[in-house]
Amino acid sequence: MERKHHGHPHSLTDISHTLSPFARWLVIGTLAVTAVAVAIGMVVLWPSDSEHPVPTQFRSADGGSIQTVNGEVVDQFRANCLNPAAGSVLETADIPVNPVAGGPCILNAVRFDSGEVEGRYTVLEIPTKGAQSGAEPGPEGAPVPGSLAEPQAGQPTLHVGDAIRLSTVPGPEGNRYTFFDFQRGTATIIWAILFIAAIVLVAAWRGFRSIIGLAFAFFVLGGFTLPAILDGSSPVAVAVVSSAVILFVVLYLAHGVSLRTSSALLGTLTSLVMAGLLSWLAIETMNLTGLSGDQTTNLQVYQGNISVSGLLLAGFIIGTLGVLNDVTITQASAAFELAAAGEPTRLATFKAAMRVGRDHIASTVYTLVFAYAGSALPLMLLFSVAQQPLGGLLTTDVVAVELARSFVGGIAIALSVPLTTAIAAALCRPAGAPSAAPAPAVS
């Protein structure tokens, strides 16, 4: 059935032949200039090949990086602490000590599975809570949940069959070995495969391209962003250039080269600039230092020439990248689909797409805030028993930083919706508009 429209001024239905070509060339020209500027920025900020010293917390006793080997727990029992065989290399799994029922330490026989000691064994000694208190932990040495038989706080809970990593500690009498971490390679690969399979099965070829774009984003962060900041470049400049490079490649790769994607890209880039300005304003007005985090303090000790405030601002900018990308591509797609479905004018397309955008804003703000709240859950638990006024806790630096991230992200999302929708509405051709002049090749 033909859709009839009454009461629309002629100027609203007859602007396609003037607005659409101009808007297209304006968007294409703006993105081209931006791409050139980003390429120049990447060349200027490209890190050198200079070596950086290993941070203290990642340095071994001989001053080099920590060396690890793989191992597997093959046996464990309770015994007294301070076993002389702990950490040394043994030829067999027979630990030279007698088990002690209810002993204060758990001794783990570990077989080396890599390195020059592969096939040999060592002993890991894990103190229990009983070792700390001196009390009897449990009958027959069996661990009792919630009892003194559990490992001390900060000590790993090991079981026979666990695959672990051991750090090498050089010494005058040869290397000794201590627990470093659990092996998670196989589990990580399985979850990565499930993640990729779910995306590709639902989103097909476009989902596969988005996975490639995600890999490219990590490549940029690891190969350019982090080395450039460590090289002394401005964290803010590096974050802006990195974000722009990622956006150009990821959006066009996942969604194709089209005016729809270009409108989302321009909206995202503009919103990213606004997010940067808002982040700077929030950091200045709220007097945020970023020094409350242990990682920042360690970084300052390691390399004091890195601007903490600049690093904080760069984190704000990169942190808003993903959510802005989500919102803008959705708005651009909504505007183009509504125009193709029969909206008569660009103004009608804009209003209809904004109705979608308002719902998107409401849901995305929840996502943004709860994502930050989830990452800060351990801190929130500590604060819940701190017996301090709520206002005082919310204005501490560590909490205020997360609140500022949420505020800036929410404002950037709210501003990006009408901006991207307006760009997309200007580029699309509503059903009631006459045919436009031949479009540029990118469309």
Protein backbone atom coordinates (compact mmCIF):
# COMPACT_ATOMS: atom_id res chain seq x y z
CA MET A 1 0.00 0.00 0.00
CA GLU A 2 1.34 3.38 -0.96
CA ARG A 3 2.07 5.56 2.00
CA LYS A 4 0.48 9.02 1.74
CA HIS A 5 1.91 12.06 3.41
CA HIS A 6 0.20 15.39 3.84
CA GLY A 7 1.25 18.66 5.27
CA HIS A 8 5.01 18.38 4.65
CA PRO A 9 6.54 21.55 3.25
CA HIS A 10 8.07 21.17 -0.20
CA SER A 11 11.47 22.27 1.16
CA LEU A 12 11.63 19.20 3.43
CA THR A 13 10.93 16.70 0.66
CA ASP A 14 12.98 18.31 -2.07
CA ILE A 15 16.39 18.77 -0.45
CA SER A 16 17.95 15.46 -1.47
CA HIS A 17 19.41 16.85 -4.67
CA THR A 18 21.24 19.59 -2.74
CA LEU A 19 21.92 18.21 0.75
CA SER A 20 22.81 14.60 -0.02
CA PRO A 21 25.73 15.14 -2.47
CA PHE A 22 27.14 17.99 -0.36
CA ALA A 23 26.86 15.94 2.84
CA ARG A 24 28.51 12.96 1.20
CA TRP A 25 31.47 14.90 -0.09
CA LEU A 26 31.78 16.74 3.23
CA VAL A 27 31.89 13.49 5.22
CA ILE A 28 34.32 11.82 2.79
CA GLY A 29 36.59 14.88 2.72
CA THR A 30 36.56 15.21 6.51
CA LEU A 31 37.43 11.54 7.00
CA ALA A 32 40.18 11.74 4.37
CA VAL A 33 41.80 14.74 6.08
CA THR A 34 41.45 13.00 9.45
CA ALA A 35 43.08 9.84 8.10
CA VAL A 36 46.05 11.82 6.81
CA ALA A 37 46.41 13.62 10.15
CA VAL A 38 46.24 10.32 12.05
CA ALA A 39 48.88 8.76 9.76
CA ILE A 40 51.19 11.75 10.35
CA GLY A 41 50.57 11.51 14.10
CA MET A 42 51.42 7.82 14.10
CA VAL A 43 54.69 8.49 12.26
CA VAL A 44 55.64 11.30 14.67
CA LEU A 45 54.75 9.29 17.78
CA TRP A 46 56.16 5.96 16.59
CA PRO A 47 58.27 4.48 19.43
CA SER A 48 61.98 3.85 19.13
CA ASP A 49 63.56 0.44 19.48
CA SER A 50 65.30 1.33 22.75
CA GLU A 51 65.33 -1.26 25.51
CA HIS A 52 63.53 -0.58 28.79
CA PRO A 53 64.68 -1.95 32.15
CA VAL A 54 62.57 -4.68 33.74
CA PRO A 55 60.35 -3.28 36.54
CA THR A 56 61.32 -4.33 40.05
CA GLN A 57 58.19 -6.41 40.65
CA PHE A 58 58.92 -8.42 37.48
CA ARG A 59 62.67 -8.75 38.07
CA SER A 60 64.42 -11.91 39.24
CA ALA A 61 67.19 -12.04 41.83
CA ASP A 62 69.89 -11.69 39.15
CA GLY A 63 68.31 -8.49 37.79
CA GLY A 64 66.82 -10.03 34.65
CA SER A 65 63.22 -10.91 33.89
CA ILE A 66 61.53 -13.70 35.82
CA GLN A 67 62.06 -17.09 34.19
CA THR A 68 59.34 -19.71 34.60
CA VAL A 69 58.94 -23.42 33.90
CA ASN A 70 55.83 -25.58 33.75
CA GLY A 71 55.04 -28.28 36.26
CA GLU A 72 52.33 -30.60 37.56
CA VAL A 73 51.44 -31.48 41.15
CA VAL A 74 51.82 -35.27 41.45
CA ASP A 75 51.54 -35.78 45.21
CA GLN A 76 50.86 -33.85 48.43
CA PHE A 77 50.69 -34.49 52.16
CA ARG A 78 50.88 -32.70 55.50
CA ALA A 79 54.17 -32.25 57.33
CA ASN A 80 56.18 -29.82 59.43
CA CYS A 81 57.33 -26.58 57.82
CA LEU A 82 60.84 -25.47 56.79
CA ASN A 83 61.56 -28.60 54.81
CA PRO A 84 65.15 -28.37 53.45
CA ALA A 85 64.07 -29.97 50.15
CA ALA A 86 61.55 -27.19 49.40
CA GLY A 87 62.42 -25.51 46.11
CA SER A 88 65.38 -27.72 45.28
CA VAL A 89 65.62 -30.04 42.26
CA LEU A 90 65.04 -33.74 43.04
CA GLU A 91 65.52 -36.75 40.80
CA THR A 92 62.39 -38.55 42.08
CA ALA A 93 59.00 -37.63 43.52
CA ASP A 94 59.90 -39.19 46.89
CA ILE A 95 60.14 -36.21 49.24
CA PRO A 96 62.87 -36.91 51.85
CA VAL A 97 60.66 -36.24 54.88
CA ASN A 98 58.07 -38.15 56.84
CA PRO A 99 54.43 -37.02 56.68
CA VAL A 100 52.98 -35.58 59.89
CA ALA A 101 49.25 -35.95 60.43
CA GLY A 102 47.81 -32.47 60.94
CA GLY A 103 51.16 -30.87 60.15
CA PRO A 104 51.19 -27.09 59.75
CA CYS A 105 52.37 -27.16 56.10
CA ILE A 106 51.16 -28.85 52.91
CA LEU A 107 54.04 -30.33 50.91
CA ASN A 108 53.46 -30.69 47.17
CA ALA A 109 55.64 -32.88 44.96
CA VAL A 110 55.81 -31.19 41.55
CA ARG A 111 57.14 -32.71 38.32
CA PHE A 112 58.84 -30.29 35.91
CA ASP A 113 57.30 -30.40 32.42
CA SER A 114 59.56 -27.89 30.62
CA GLY A 115 62.98 -26.29 30.74
CA GLU A 116 66.34 -27.88 31.42
CA VAL A 117 64.91 -29.59 34.53
CA GLU A 118 62.11 -31.35 32.62
CA GLY A 119 61.34 -34.79 34.03
CA ARG A 120 62.73 -34.03 37.49
CA TYR A 121 60.90 -32.88 40.62
CA THR A 122 60.75 -30.24 43.33
CA VAL A 123 58.80 -29.56 46.52
CA LEU A 124 56.45 -26.65 47.11
CA GLU A 125 55.75 -25.87 50.75
CA ILE A 126 52.41 -24.19 51.43
CA PRO A 127 51.84 -22.96 55.03
CA THR A 128 48.34 -23.41 56.41
CA LYS A 129 46.50 -21.17 58.83
CA GLY A 130 47.61 -23.59 61.50
CA ALA A 131 51.22 -22.67 60.84
CA GLN A 132 50.38 -19.06 61.54
CA SER A 133 48.35 -19.67 64.70
CA GLY A 134 50.18 -22.69 66.05
CA ALA A 135 46.85 -24.47 66.61
CA GLU A 136 46.06 -28.02 65.56
CA PRO A 137 44.48 -27.75 62.08
CA GLY A 138 42.43 -30.91 61.68
CA PRO A 139 42.22 -34.69 62.12
CA GLU A 140 44.62 -36.85 60.11
CA GLY A 141 45.80 -33.85 58.16
CA ALA A 142 42.60 -33.67 56.11
CA PRO A 143 41.70 -30.11 55.04
CA VAL A 144 38.54 -28.86 56.73
CA PRO A 145 36.74 -25.99 54.91
CA GLY A 146 36.97 -22.79 56.91
CA SER A 147 39.43 -24.34 59.35
CA LEU A 148 43.08 -23.81 60.15
CA ALA A 149 43.91 -26.51 57.59
CA GLU A 150 43.35 -24.07 54.73
CA PRO A 151 46.36 -22.33 53.17
CA GLN A 152 47.30 -18.97 54.61
CA ALA A 153 45.92 -15.87 52.94
CA GLY A 154 47.81 -15.20 49.75
CA GLN A 155 48.94 -18.83 49.40
CA PRO A 156 47.62 -20.98 46.51
CA THR A 157 45.28 -23.92 47.07
CA LEU A 158 46.86 -26.79 45.12
CA HIS A 159 45.50 -30.21 44.25
CA VAL A 160 47.08 -33.28 42.72
CA GLY A 161 46.93 -32.91 38.94
CA ASP A 162 47.07 -29.09 38.91
CA ALA A 163 49.17 -27.64 36.09
CA ILE A 164 51.23 -24.75 37.46
CA ARG A 165 54.10 -22.43 36.60
CA LEU A 166 57.17 -22.13 38.82
CA SER A 167 59.55 -19.18 38.90
CA THR A 168 63.29 -19.76 38.83
CA VAL A 169 65.26 -18.23 41.71
CA PRO A 170 69.02 -18.21 41.02
CA GLY A 171 71.22 -18.98 44.02
CA PRO A 172 74.85 -19.84 44.90
CA GLU A 173 73.99 -23.53 45.09
CA GLY A 174 71.93 -23.61 41.92
CA ASN A 175 68.43 -22.60 40.96
CA ARG A 176 65.51 -22.99 43.33
CA TYR A 177 61.83 -22.92 42.37
CA THR A 178 58.73 -21.32 43.88
CA PHE A 179 55.07 -21.16 42.89
CA PHE A 180 54.42 -18.45 40.29
CA ASP A 181 50.92 -19.04 38.88
CA PHE A 182 48.55 -21.61 37.47
CA GLN A 183 48.79 -22.63 33.82
CA ARG A 184 45.79 -21.24 31.97
CA GLY A 185 46.86 -21.65 28.35
CA THR A 186 44.53 -24.53 27.46
CA ALA A 187 41.51 -23.07 29.25
CA THR A 188 42.11 -19.66 27.67
CA ILE A 189 42.33 -21.17 24.19
CA ILE A 190 39.10 -23.12 24.71
CA TRP A 191 37.21 -20.02 25.86
CA ALA A 192 38.65 -18.01 22.97
CA ILE A 193 37.44 -20.65 20.51
CA LEU A 194 33.97 -20.64 22.08
CA PHE A 195 33.90 -16.84 21.91
CA ILE A 196 34.91 -16.78 18.23
CA ALA A 197 32.51 -19.60 17.37
CA ALA A 198 29.57 -17.84 19.02
CA ILE A 199 30.30 -14.57 17.20
CA VAL A 200 30.82 -16.23 13.81
CA LEU A 201 27.80 -18.55 14.09
CA VAL A 202 25.45 -15.67 14.84
CA ALA A 203 27.02 -12.84 12.82
CA ALA A 204 28.54 -15.00 10.05
CA TRP A 205 31.14 -13.31 7.83
CA ARG A 206 30.65 -9.93 9.46
CA GLY A 207 31.29 -11.49 12.87
CA PHE A 208 34.50 -13.05 11.60
CA ARG A 209 35.67 -9.68 10.28
CA SER A 210 34.91 -8.11 13.66
CA ILE A 211 37.14 -10.72 15.32
CA ILE A 212 39.94 -9.76 12.91
CA GLY A 213 39.33 -6.11 13.82
CA LEU A 214 39.56 -6.96 17.51
CA ALA A 215 42.89 -8.68 16.93
CA PHE A 216 44.08 -5.59 15.05
CA ALA A 217 43.04 -3.37 17.98
CA PHE A 218 45.13 -5.44 20.40
CA PHE A 219 48.02 -5.30 17.92
CA VAL A 220 47.85 -1.48 17.89
CA LEU A 221 47.66 -1.29 21.69
CA GLY A 222 50.58 -3.68 22.18
CA GLY A 223 52.72 -2.62 19.24
CA PHE A 224 52.21 1.15 19.28
CA THR A 225 50.23 2.56 22.20
CA LEU A 226 52.13 1.06 25.13
CA PRO A 227 55.65 1.35 23.63
CA ALA A 228 54.99 4.96 22.58
CA ILE A 229 53.88 5.95 26.10
CA LEU A 230 56.89 4.18 27.63
CA ASP A 231 59.07 6.05 25.12
CA GLY A 232 57.97 9.34 26.70
CA SER A 233 55.34 10.50 24.20
CA SER A 234 52.24 12.29 25.44
CA PRO A 235 49.78 9.63 26.67
CA VAL A 236 46.86 11.75 25.46
CA ALA A 237 48.25 12.19 21.95
CA VAL A 238 49.08 8.49 21.74
CA ALA A 239 45.59 7.53 22.96
CA VAL A 240 43.86 9.78 20.42
CA VAL A 241 45.97 8.52 17.49
CA SER A 242 45.62 4.88 18.59
CA SER A 243 41.85 5.19 18.98
CA ALA A 244 41.48 6.81 15.56
CA VAL A 245 43.61 4.13 13.84
CA ILE A 246 41.59 1.39 15.51
CA LEU A 247 38.28 3.01 14.52
CA PHE A 248 39.23 3.48 10.87
CA VAL A 249 40.26 -0.14 10.44
CA VAL A 250 37.76 -1.88 12.71
CA LEU A 251 34.63 -0.10 11.47
CA TYR A 252 35.35 -0.44 7.77
CA LEU A 253 36.57 -4.01 8.21
CA ALA A 254 33.53 -5.18 10.19
CA HIS A 255 30.81 -3.18 8.43
CA GLY A 256 32.19 -2.55 4.95
CA VAL A 257 33.14 0.64 3.12
CA SER A 258 29.90 2.61 2.79
CA LEU A 259 28.34 5.92 3.68
CA ARG A 260 26.52 4.19 6.52
CA THR A 261 29.83 3.14 8.07
CA SER A 262 31.37 6.52 7.28
CA SER A 263 28.62 8.32 9.16
CA ALA A 264 29.18 6.09 12.18
CA LEU A 265 32.94 6.63 11.96
CA LEU A 266 32.64 10.41 11.77
CA GLY A 267 30.17 10.38 14.66
CA THR A 268 32.49 8.21 16.75
CA LEU A 269 35.57 10.32 16.04
CA THR A 270 33.73 13.54 16.89
CA SER A 271 32.28 11.98 20.05
CA LEU A 272 35.74 10.75 20.99
CA VAL A 273 37.09 14.29 20.81
CA MET A 274 34.21 15.46 23.00
CA ALA A 275 34.91 12.62 25.43
CA GLY A 276 38.54 13.72 25.61
CA LEU A 277 37.55 17.30 26.43
CA LEU A 278 35.01 16.11 29.00
CA SER A 279 37.58 13.77 30.56
CA TRP A 280 40.10 16.60 30.88
CA LEU A 281 37.44 18.83 32.44
CA ALA A 282 36.37 16.10 34.89
CA ILE A 283 39.96 15.40 35.96
CA GLU A 284 40.63 19.11 36.50
CA THR A 285 37.40 19.97 38.33
CA MET A 286 37.38 16.84 40.50
CA ASN A 287 41.15 17.08 41.24
CA LEU A 288 41.69 13.46 40.27
CA THR A 289 45.29 12.26 40.63
CA GLY A 290 45.13 8.59 39.70
CA LEU A 291 47.77 7.89 42.38
CA SER A 292 45.45 5.69 44.43
CA GLY A 293 46.08 2.64 42.24
CA ASP A 294 49.00 0.35 43.02
CA GLN A 295 49.81 -0.03 39.32
CA THR A 296 50.14 3.73 38.88
CA THR A 297 52.41 4.00 41.91
CA ASN A 298 54.60 1.19 40.62
CA LEU A 299 54.75 2.85 37.22
CA GLN A 300 55.85 6.12 38.77
CA VAL A 301 58.63 4.36 40.65
CA TYR A 302 59.67 2.54 37.49
CA GLN A 303 59.50 5.47 35.07
CA GLY A 304 58.80 8.84 36.67
CA ASN A 305 58.74 10.81 33.41
CA ILE A 306 55.29 9.48 32.48
CA SER A 307 52.55 11.99 33.27
CA VAL A 308 50.08 10.37 35.67
CA SER A 309 47.33 12.86 34.82
CA GLY A 310 48.00 12.32 31.11
CA LEU A 311 47.87 8.57 31.61
CA LEU A 312 44.60 8.91 33.47
CA LEU A 313 43.16 11.02 30.66
CA ALA A 314 44.38 8.54 28.04
CA GLY A 315 42.66 5.75 29.95
CA PHE A 316 39.41 7.72 29.90
CA ILE A 317 39.65 8.19 26.12
CA ILE A 318 40.43 4.56 25.30
CA GLY A 319 37.83 3.38 27.79
CA THR A 320 35.01 5.17 25.96
CA LEU A 321 36.07 3.83 22.56
CA GLY A 322 34.15 0.56 22.58
CA VAL A 323 30.87 1.87 23.91
CA LEU A 324 30.87 4.86 21.54
CA ASN A 325 31.51 2.55 18.61
CA ASP A 326 28.54 0.41 19.64
CA VAL A 327 26.18 3.36 19.91
CA THR A 328 27.19 5.16 16.73
CA ILE A 329 27.07 2.16 14.39
CA THR A 330 23.63 1.28 15.76
CA GLN A 331 22.34 4.81 15.18
CA ALA A 332 23.76 5.00 11.66
CA SER A 333 22.21 1.65 10.76
CA ALA A 334 18.86 2.67 12.26
CA ALA A 335 18.75 5.90 10.25
CA PHE A 336 19.60 4.22 6.94
CA GLU A 337 17.15 1.36 7.53
CA LEU A 338 14.33 3.72 8.49
CA ALA A 339 14.96 5.83 5.40
CA ALA A 340 14.88 2.71 3.21
CA ALA A 341 11.71 1.49 4.95
CA GLY A 342 9.73 4.55 3.89
CA GLU A 343 10.43 7.62 6.03
CA PRO A 344 9.54 10.53 3.74
CA THR A 345 12.07 13.16 4.80
CA ARG A 346 15.41 13.46 6.54
CA LEU A 347 13.72 15.17 9.46
CA ALA A 348 11.32 12.24 9.84
CA THR A 349 14.23 9.82 9.59
CA PHE A 350 16.13 11.73 12.26
CA LYS A 351 13.13 11.75 14.65
CA ALA A 352 12.43 8.04 14.15
CA ALA A 353 16.08 7.08 14.64
CA MET A 354 16.26 9.23 17.77
CA ARG A 355 13.43 7.19 19.28
CA VAL A 356 15.66 4.15 18.85
CA GLY A 357 18.62 6.13 20.19
CA ARG A 358 16.84 7.10 23.41
CA ASP A 359 16.27 3.44 24.24
CA HIS A 360 19.88 2.72 23.39
CA ILE A 361 21.13 5.49 25.67
CA ALA A 362 19.06 4.19 28.58
CA SER A 363 20.38 0.62 28.25
CA THR A 364 24.00 1.57 27.47
CA VAL A 365 24.34 3.84 30.50
CA TYR A 366 23.38 0.90 32.72
CA THR A 367 25.94 -1.26 30.92
CA LEU A 368 28.66 1.36 31.37
CA VAL A 369 28.05 1.98 35.07
CA PHE A 370 27.66 -1.67 36.02
CA ALA A 371 30.78 -2.63 34.07
CA TYR A 372 32.81 -0.23 36.21
CA ALA A 373 31.00 -1.33 39.37
CA GLY A 374 31.75 -4.97 38.61
CA SER A 375 35.45 -4.32 38.14
CA ALA A 376 35.55 -2.41 41.43
CA LEU A 377 33.52 -4.96 43.40
CA PRO A 378 36.36 -6.01 45.78
CA LEU A 379 36.98 -2.35 46.60
CA MET A 380 33.26 -1.78 47.18
CA LEU A 381 33.20 -4.71 49.61
CA LEU A 382 36.06 -3.19 51.60
CA PHE A 383 34.35 0.18 51.66
CA SER A 384 31.08 -1.37 52.81
CA VAL A 385 32.68 -2.28 56.15
CA ALA A 386 34.90 0.79 56.44
CA GLN A 387 32.42 2.55 58.78
CA GLN A 388 32.98 5.84 56.98
CA PRO A 389 30.35 8.32 55.73
CA LEU A 390 29.12 7.43 52.26
CA GLY A 391 29.91 10.89 50.93
CA GLY A 392 33.50 10.63 52.09
CA LEU A 393 33.97 7.21 50.50
CA LEU A 394 32.47 8.28 47.17
CA THR A 395 34.81 11.24 46.92
CA THR A 396 38.03 9.32 47.58
CA ASP A 397 40.34 9.34 44.56
CA VAL A 398 40.00 5.65 43.72
CA VAL A 399 36.17 5.79 43.68
CA ALA A 400 35.94 9.25 42.15
CA VAL A 401 38.02 8.08 39.18
CA GLU A 402 35.51 5.33 38.40
CA LEU A 403 32.59 7.70 38.92
CA ALA A 404 34.21 10.20 36.56
CA ARG A 405 34.64 7.46 33.94
CA SER A 406 30.94 6.67 34.20
CA PHE A 407 29.90 10.32 34.04
CA VAL A 408 32.13 11.13 31.07
CA GLY A 409 31.14 7.95 29.25
CA GLY A 410 27.44 8.60 29.83
CA ILE A 411 27.64 12.20 28.61
CA ALA A 412 29.65 11.15 25.54
CA ILE A 413 27.08 8.48 24.72
CA ALA A 414 24.20 10.92 25.11
CA LEU A 415 25.88 13.46 22.80
CA SER A 416 26.97 10.88 20.22
CA VAL A 417 23.42 9.69 19.53
CA PRO A 418 21.94 12.92 18.07
CA LEU A 419 25.26 13.76 16.40
CA THR A 420 25.60 10.44 14.58
CA THR A 421 21.89 10.30 13.80
CA ALA A 422 22.04 13.76 12.19
CA ILE A 423 25.06 12.78 10.07
CA ALA A 424 23.39 9.55 8.94
CA ALA A 425 20.08 11.31 8.20
CA ALA A 426 21.95 13.82 6.04
CA LEU A 427 23.63 11.05 4.07
CA CYS A 428 20.69 8.71 3.47
CA ARG A 429 17.99 9.24 0.83
CA PRO A 430 14.47 9.10 2.28
CA ALA A 431 11.72 7.40 0.32
CA GLY A 432 9.96 10.68 -0.38
CA ALA A 433 13.02 12.42 -1.81
CA PRO A 434 13.85 12.53 -5.54
CA SER A 435 16.86 10.64 -6.87
CA ALA A 436 20.15 12.31 -5.97
CA ALA A 437 23.07 13.04 -8.24
CA PRO A 438 25.58 10.21 -8.78
CA ALA A 439 27.22 9.41 -5.48
CA PRO A 440 30.95 9.19 -4.89
CA ALA A 441 32.59 5.82 -5.42
CA VAL A 442 32.71 4.98 -1.69
CA SER A 443 28.93 4.72 -1.48
